[in-house]
Amino acid sequence: MQGEVPERCSVPIILRFLQDRLETKLAVSILRVYIAAISAQHVRVGNQTVGSHSLVTRFLKGAQRQTPYN
């Protein structure tokens, strides 16, 4: 997102980014790659990585249910 510091942006900003990608019919497996890359560079949120944050994991589960063929 414009104006955000990528390594420190909030989880809702990351979820919005992922949702935008999902809406372009991007495969869930590719979203997982995005999350891994973001987690590698992003500061920890609380005491966990972005990829293990409960909202991100719930988002991925929902995306998988929405597009089970991916």
PDB file of N, CA and C in Angstrom:
ATOM      1  N   MET A   1       0.838  -1.174   0.000  1.00  0.00           N
ATOM      2  CA  MET A   1       0.000   0.000   0.000  1.00  0.00           C
ATOM      3  C   MET A   1       0.881   1.234   0.000  1.00  0.00           C
ATOM      4  N   GLN A   2       0.430   2.219  -0.667  1.00  0.00           N
ATOM      5  CA  GLN A   2       1.191   3.445  -0.787  1.00  0.00           C
ATOM      6  C   GLN A   2       1.302   4.161   0.549  1.00  0.00           C
ATOM      7  N   GLY A   3       2.493   4.632   0.873  1.00  0.00           N
ATOM      8  CA  GLY A   3       2.708   5.370   2.098  1.00  0.00           C
ATOM      9  C   GLY A   3       2.990   4.501   3.303  1.00  0.00           C
ATOM     10  N   GLU A   4       2.984   3.190   3.157  1.00  0.00           N
ATOM     11  CA  GLU A   4       3.243   2.271   4.264  1.00  0.00           C
ATOM     12  C   GLU A   4       4.707   1.825   4.231  1.00  0.00           C
ATOM     13  N   VAL A   5       5.271   1.618   5.398  1.00  0.00           N
ATOM     14  CA  VAL A   5       6.608   1.034   5.508  1.00  0.00           C
ATOM     15  C   VAL A   5       6.424  -0.482   5.457  1.00  0.00           C
ATOM     16  N   PRO A   6       6.880  -1.136   4.409  1.00  0.00           N
ATOM     17  CA  PRO A   6       6.584  -2.560   4.216  1.00  0.00           C
ATOM     18  C   PRO A   6       6.979  -3.457   5.387  1.00  0.00           C
ATOM     19  N   GLU A   7       8.095  -3.164   6.030  1.00  0.00           N
ATOM     20  CA  GLU A   7       8.567  -4.022   7.117  1.00  0.00           C
ATOM     21  C   GLU A   7       7.814  -3.809   8.420  1.00  0.00           C
ATOM     22  N   ARG A   8       6.977  -2.777   8.479  1.00  0.00           N
ATOM     23  CA  ARG A   8       6.303  -2.440   9.731  1.00  0.00           C
ATOM     24  C   ARG A   8       4.807  -2.174   9.582  1.00  0.00           C
ATOM     25  N   CYS A   9       4.247  -2.467   8.437  1.00  0.00           N
ATOM     26  CA  CYS A   9       2.822  -2.181   8.253  1.00  0.00           C
ATOM     27  C   CYS A   9       1.974  -3.112   9.122  1.00  0.00           C
ATOM     28  N   SER A  10       0.760  -2.722   9.346  1.00  0.00           N
ATOM     29  CA  SER A  10      -0.125  -3.481  10.236  1.00  0.00           C
ATOM     30  C   SER A  10      -0.661  -4.739   9.548  1.00  0.00           C
ATOM     31  N   VAL A  11      -1.138  -5.655  10.358  1.00  0.00           N
ATOM     32  CA  VAL A  11      -1.720  -6.897   9.836  1.00  0.00           C
ATOM     33  C   VAL A  11      -2.934  -6.596   8.943  1.00  0.00           C
ATOM     34  N   PRO A  12      -3.822  -5.661   9.311  1.00  0.00           N
ATOM     35  CA  PRO A  12      -4.931  -5.355   8.393  1.00  0.00           C
ATOM     36  C   PRO A  12      -4.472  -4.878   7.009  1.00  0.00           C
ATOM     37  N   ILE A  13      -3.372  -4.150   6.941  1.00  0.00           N
ATOM     38  CA  ILE A  13      -2.843  -3.723   5.638  1.00  0.00           C
ATOM     39  C   ILE A  13      -2.372  -4.949   4.849  1.00  0.00           C
ATOM     40  N   ILE A  14      -1.707  -5.863   5.516  1.00  0.00           N
ATOM     41  CA  ILE A  14      -1.247  -7.089   4.853  1.00  0.00           C
ATOM     42  C   ILE A  14      -2.434  -7.906   4.366  1.00  0.00           C
ATOM     43  N   LEU A  15      -3.459  -8.010   5.193  1.00  0.00           N
ATOM     44  CA  LEU A  15      -4.659  -8.762   4.792  1.00  0.00           C
ATOM     45  C   LEU A  15      -5.349  -8.106   3.597  1.00  0.00           C
ATOM     46  N   ARG A  16      -5.376  -6.794   3.567  1.00  0.00           N
ATOM     47  CA  ARG A  16      -5.966  -6.094   2.418  1.00  0.00           C
ATOM     48  C   ARG A  16      -5.172  -6.396   1.149  1.00  0.00           C
ATOM     49  N   PHE A  17      -3.842  -6.403   1.269  1.00  0.00           N
ATOM     50  CA  PHE A  17      -2.975  -6.744   0.143  1.00  0.00           C
ATOM     51  C   PHE A  17      -3.276  -8.165  -0.350  1.00  0.00           C
ATOM     52  N   LEU A  18      -3.376  -9.105   0.579  1.00  0.00           N
ATOM     53  CA  LEU A  18      -3.657 -10.497   0.210  1.00  0.00           C
ATOM     54  C   LEU A  18      -5.052 -10.646  -0.395  1.00  0.00           C
ATOM     55  N   GLN A  19      -6.024  -9.936   0.150  1.00  0.00           N
ATOM     56  CA  GLN A  19      -7.389  -9.988  -0.385  1.00  0.00           C
ATOM     57  C   GLN A  19      -7.423  -9.457  -1.815  1.00  0.00           C
ATOM     58  N   ASP A  20      -6.687  -8.390  -2.061  1.00  0.00           N
ATOM     59  CA  ASP A  20      -6.616  -7.861  -3.429  1.00  0.00           C
ATOM     60  C   ASP A  20      -6.073  -8.911  -4.384  1.00  0.00           C
ATOM     61  N   ARG A  21      -5.058  -9.657  -3.956  1.00  0.00           N
ATOM     62  CA  ARG A  21      -4.486 -10.705  -4.799  1.00  0.00           C
ATOM     63  C   ARG A  21      -5.475 -11.851  -4.991  1.00  0.00           C
ATOM     64  N   LEU A  22      -6.178 -12.206  -3.936  1.00  0.00           N
ATOM     65  CA  LEU A  22      -7.162 -13.286  -4.020  1.00  0.00           C
ATOM     66  C   LEU A  22      -8.266 -12.926  -5.005  1.00  0.00           C
ATOM     67  N   GLU A  23      -8.675 -11.679  -5.013  1.00  0.00           N
ATOM     68  CA  GLU A  23      -9.744 -11.239  -5.917  1.00  0.00           C
ATOM     69  C   GLU A  23      -9.321 -11.261  -7.377  1.00  0.00           C
ATOM     70  N   THR A  24      -8.025 -11.310  -7.645  1.00  0.00           N
ATOM     71  CA  THR A  24      -7.560 -11.426  -9.030  1.00  0.00           C
ATOM     72  C   THR A  24      -7.380 -12.886  -9.430  1.00  0.00           C
ATOM     73  N   LYS A  25      -7.958 -13.792  -8.598  1.00  0.00           N
ATOM     74  CA  LYS A  25      -7.944 -15.240  -8.855  1.00  0.00           C
ATOM     75  C   LYS A  25      -6.551 -15.853  -8.690  1.00  0.00           C
ATOM     76  N   LEU A  26      -5.722 -15.247  -7.864  1.00  0.00           N
ATOM     77  CA  LEU A  26      -4.414 -15.802  -7.567  1.00  0.00           C
ATOM     78  C   LEU A  26      -4.594 -17.061  -6.722  1.00  0.00           C
ATOM     79  N   ALA A  27      -3.839 -18.084  -7.003  1.00  0.00           N
ATOM     80  CA  ALA A  27      -3.954 -19.352  -6.285  1.00  0.00           C
ATOM     81  C   ALA A  27      -3.542 -19.180  -4.827  1.00  0.00           C
ATOM     82  N   VAL A  28      -4.180 -19.933  -3.951  1.00  0.00           N
ATOM     83  CA  VAL A  28      -3.868 -19.876  -2.527  1.00  0.00           C
ATOM     84  C   VAL A  28      -2.410 -20.270  -2.291  1.00  0.00           C
ATOM     85  N   SER A  29      -1.898 -21.183  -3.059  1.00  0.00           N
ATOM     86  CA  SER A  29      -0.494 -21.575  -2.900  1.00  0.00           C
ATOM     87  C   SER A  29       0.443 -20.392  -3.157  1.00  0.00           C
ATOM     88  N   ILE A  30       0.077 -19.536  -4.067  1.00  0.00           N
ATOM     89  CA  ILE A  30       0.883 -18.341  -4.334  1.00  0.00           C
ATOM     90  C   ILE A  30       0.733 -17.351  -3.189  1.00  0.00           C
ATOM     91  N   LEU A  31      -0.463 -17.258  -2.607  1.00  0.00           N
ATOM     92  CA  LEU A  31      -0.647 -16.391  -1.437  1.00  0.00           C
ATOM     93  C   LEU A  31       0.257 -16.850  -0.301  1.00  0.00           C
ATOM     94  N   ARG A  32       0.428 -18.152  -0.157  1.00  0.00           N
ATOM     95  CA  ARG A  32       1.324 -18.677   0.880  1.00  0.00           C
ATOM     96  C   ARG A  32       2.767 -18.231   0.636  1.00  0.00           C
ATOM     97  N   VAL A  33       3.168 -18.180  -0.622  1.00  0.00           N
ATOM     98  CA  VAL A  33       4.509 -17.707  -0.962  1.00  0.00           C
ATOM     99  C   VAL A  33       4.642 -16.226  -0.605  1.00  0.00           C
ATOM    100  N   TYR A  34       3.621 -15.439  -0.913  1.00  0.00           N
ATOM    101  CA  TYR A  34       3.624 -14.025  -0.539  1.00  0.00           C
ATOM    102  C   TYR A  34       3.779 -13.877   0.974  1.00  0.00           C
ATOM    103  N   ILE A  35       3.026 -14.658   1.727  1.00  0.00           N
ATOM    104  CA  ILE A  35       3.071 -14.560   3.191  1.00  0.00           C
ATOM    105  C   ILE A  35       4.452 -14.948   3.716  1.00  0.00           C
ATOM    106  N   ALA A  36       5.051 -15.974   3.137  1.00  0.00           N
ATOM    107  CA  ALA A  36       6.388 -16.377   3.565  1.00  0.00           C
ATOM    108  C   ALA A  36       7.402 -15.259   3.305  1.00  0.00           C
ATOM    109  N   ALA A  37       7.297 -14.629   2.150  1.00  0.00           N
ATOM    110  CA  ALA A  37       8.215 -13.542   1.822  1.00  0.00           C
ATOM    111  C   ALA A  37       7.995 -12.340   2.744  1.00  0.00           C
ATOM    112  N   ILE A  38       6.746 -12.018   3.004  1.00  0.00           N
ATOM    113  CA  ILE A  38       6.445 -10.906   3.906  1.00  0.00           C
ATOM    114  C   ILE A  38       6.972 -11.219   5.300  1.00  0.00           C
ATOM    115  N   SER A  39       6.745 -12.428   5.772  1.00  0.00           N
ATOM    116  CA  SER A  39       7.190 -12.827   7.109  1.00  0.00           C
ATOM    117  C   SER A  39       8.703 -12.751   7.253  1.00  0.00           C
ATOM    118  N   ALA A  40       9.408 -13.072   6.187  1.00  0.00           N
ATOM    119  CA  ALA A  40      10.868 -13.056   6.240  1.00  0.00           C
ATOM    120  C   ALA A  40      11.419 -11.643   6.436  1.00  0.00           C
ATOM    121  N   GLN A  41      10.705 -10.641   5.960  1.00  0.00           N
ATOM    122  CA  GLN A  41      11.197  -9.265   6.022  1.00  0.00           C
ATOM    123  C   GLN A  41      10.519  -8.414   7.086  1.00  0.00           C
ATOM    124  N   HIS A  42       9.353  -8.807   7.500  1.00  0.00           N
ATOM    125  CA  HIS A  42       8.534  -7.990   8.407  1.00  0.00           C
ATOM    126  C   HIS A  42       8.977  -8.178   9.855  1.00  0.00           C
ATOM    127  N   VAL A  43       8.900  -7.116  10.645  1.00  0.00           N
ATOM    128  CA  VAL A  43       9.183  -7.249  12.074  1.00  0.00           C
ATOM    129  C   VAL A  43       8.107  -8.119  12.704  1.00  0.00           C
ATOM    130  N   ARG A  44       8.429  -8.709  13.819  1.00  0.00           N
ATOM    131  CA  ARG A  44       7.460  -9.552  14.508  1.00  0.00           C
ATOM    132  C   ARG A  44       6.278  -8.725  14.999  1.00  0.00           C
ATOM    133  N   VAL A  45       5.130  -9.348  15.001  1.00  0.00           N
ATOM    134  CA  VAL A  45       3.904  -8.721  15.509  1.00  0.00           C
ATOM    135  C   VAL A  45       3.637  -9.389  16.856  1.00  0.00           C
ATOM    136  N   GLY A  46       3.853  -8.634  17.919  1.00  0.00           N
ATOM    137  CA  GLY A  46       3.805  -9.254  19.239  1.00  0.00           C
ATOM    138  C   GLY A  46       5.028 -10.130  19.371  1.00  0.00           C
ATOM    139  N   ASN A  47       4.833 -11.405  19.542  1.00  0.00           N
ATOM    140  CA  ASN A  47       5.971 -12.323  19.619  1.00  0.00           C
ATOM    141  C   ASN A  47       5.937 -13.372  18.515  1.00  0.00           C
ATOM    142  N   GLN A  48       5.248 -13.065  17.413  1.00  0.00           N
ATOM    143  CA  GLN A  48       5.127 -14.037  16.328  1.00  0.00           C
ATOM    144  C   GLN A  48       5.354 -13.392  14.973  1.00  0.00           C
ATOM    145  N   THR A  49       5.643 -14.233  13.992  1.00  0.00           N
ATOM    146  CA  THR A  49       5.809 -13.727  12.635  1.00  0.00           C
ATOM    147  C   THR A  49       4.435 -13.417  12.041  1.00  0.00           C
ATOM    148  N   VAL A  50       4.437 -12.668  10.986  1.00  0.00           N
ATOM    149  CA  VAL A  50       3.179 -12.350  10.308  1.00  0.00           C
ATOM    150  C   VAL A  50       2.495 -13.624   9.828  1.00  0.00           C
ATOM    151  N   GLY A  51       3.267 -14.568   9.319  1.00  0.00           N
ATOM    152  CA  GLY A  51       2.705 -15.807   8.800  1.00  0.00           C
ATOM    153  C   GLY A  51       2.026 -16.674   9.843  1.00  0.00           C
ATOM    154  N   SER A  52       2.411 -16.521  11.104  1.00  0.00           N
ATOM    155  CA  SER A  52       1.773 -17.312  12.155  1.00  0.00           C
ATOM    156  C   SER A  52       0.749 -16.506  12.948  1.00  0.00           C
ATOM    157  N   HIS A  53       0.508 -15.281  12.533  1.00  0.00           N
ATOM    158  CA  HIS A  53      -0.504 -14.446  13.195  1.00  0.00           C
ATOM    159  C   HIS A  53      -1.881 -15.076  12.971  1.00  0.00           C
ATOM    160  N   SER A  54      -2.706 -15.082  14.005  1.00  0.00           N
ATOM    161  CA  SER A  54      -4.002 -15.771  13.922  1.00  0.00           C
ATOM    162  C   SER A  54      -4.900 -15.224  12.809  1.00  0.00           C
ATOM    163  N   LEU A  55      -4.886 -13.927  12.582  1.00  0.00           N
ATOM    164  CA  LEU A  55      -5.734 -13.376  11.517  1.00  0.00           C
ATOM    165  C   LEU A  55      -5.259 -13.812  10.132  1.00  0.00           C
ATOM    166  N   VAL A  56      -3.952 -13.915   9.958  1.00  0.00           N
ATOM    167  CA  VAL A  56      -3.413 -14.344   8.661  1.00  0.00           C
ATOM    168  C   VAL A  56      -3.722 -15.821   8.422  1.00  0.00           C
ATOM    169  N   THR A  57      -3.565 -16.652   9.445  1.00  0.00           N
ATOM    170  CA  THR A  57      -3.869 -18.078   9.255  1.00  0.00           C
ATOM    171  C   THR A  57      -5.360 -18.290   9.019  1.00  0.00           C
ATOM    172  N   ARG A  58      -6.210 -17.524   9.693  1.00  0.00           N
ATOM    173  CA  ARG A  58      -7.653 -17.624   9.457  1.00  0.00           C
ATOM    174  C   ARG A  58      -8.003 -17.159   8.038  1.00  0.00           C
ATOM    175  N   PHE A  59      -7.337 -16.109   7.577  1.00  0.00           N
ATOM    176  CA  PHE A  59      -7.552 -15.641   6.209  1.00  0.00           C
ATOM    177  C   PHE A  59      -7.226 -16.749   5.210  1.00  0.00           C
ATOM    178  N   LEU A  60      -6.083 -17.402   5.402  1.00  0.00           N
ATOM    179  CA  LEU A  60      -5.681 -18.473   4.483  1.00  0.00           C
ATOM    180  C   LEU A  60      -6.665 -19.639   4.496  1.00  0.00           C
ATOM    181  N   LYS A  61      -7.152 -20.007   5.666  1.00  0.00           N
ATOM    182  CA  LYS A  61      -8.138 -21.081   5.745  1.00  0.00           C
ATOM    183  C   LYS A  61      -9.411 -20.708   4.987  1.00  0.00           C
ATOM    184  N   GLY A  62      -9.842 -19.478   5.147  1.00  0.00           N
ATOM    185  CA  GLY A  62     -11.029 -19.020   4.432  1.00  0.00           C
ATOM    186  C   GLY A  62     -10.791 -18.976   2.932  1.00  0.00           C
ATOM    187  N   ALA A  63      -9.628 -18.536   2.525  1.00  0.00           N
ATOM    188  CA  ALA A  63      -9.307 -18.486   1.102  1.00  0.00           C
ATOM    189  C   ALA A  63      -9.281 -19.892   0.518  1.00  0.00           C
ATOM    190  N   GLN A  64      -8.760 -20.844   1.290  1.00  0.00           N
ATOM    191  CA  GLN A  64      -8.720 -22.228   0.821  1.00  0.00           C
ATOM    192  C   GLN A  64     -10.128 -22.804   0.663  1.00  0.00           C
ATOM    193  N   ARG A  65     -11.008 -22.482   1.609  1.00  0.00           N
ATOM    194  CA  ARG A  65     -12.394 -22.951   1.525  1.00  0.00           C
ATOM    195  C   ARG A  65     -13.120 -22.310   0.329  1.00  0.00           C
ATOM    196  N   GLN A  66     -12.818 -21.044   0.082  1.00  0.00           N
ATOM    197  CA  GLN A  66     -13.462 -20.308  -0.999  1.00  0.00           C
ATOM    198  C   GLN A  66     -13.026 -20.840  -2.363  1.00  0.00           C
ATOM    199  N   THR A  67     -11.779 -21.250  -2.471  1.00  0.00           N
ATOM    200  CA  THR A  67     -11.239 -21.736  -3.742  1.00  0.00           C
ATOM    201  C   THR A  67     -10.555 -23.082  -3.527  1.00  0.00           C
ATOM    202  N   PRO A  68     -11.319 -24.129  -3.242  1.00  0.00           N
ATOM    203  CA  PRO A  68     -10.713 -25.426  -2.914  1.00  0.00           C
ATOM    204  C   PRO A  68      -9.938 -26.060  -4.053  1.00  0.00           C
ATOM    205  N   TYR A  69     -10.136 -25.609  -5.253  1.00  0.00           N
ATOM    206  CA  TYR A  69      -9.429 -26.182  -6.404  1.00  0.00           C
ATOM    207  C   TYR A  69      -8.010 -25.681  -6.505  1.00  0.00           C
ATOM    208  N   ASN A  70      -7.615 -24.686  -5.707  1.00  0.00           N
ATOM    209  CA  ASN A  70      -6.247 -24.142  -5.743  1.00  0.00           C
ATOM    210  C   ASN A  70      -5.334 -24.895  -4.821  1.00  0.00           C
TER     211      ASN A  70
END
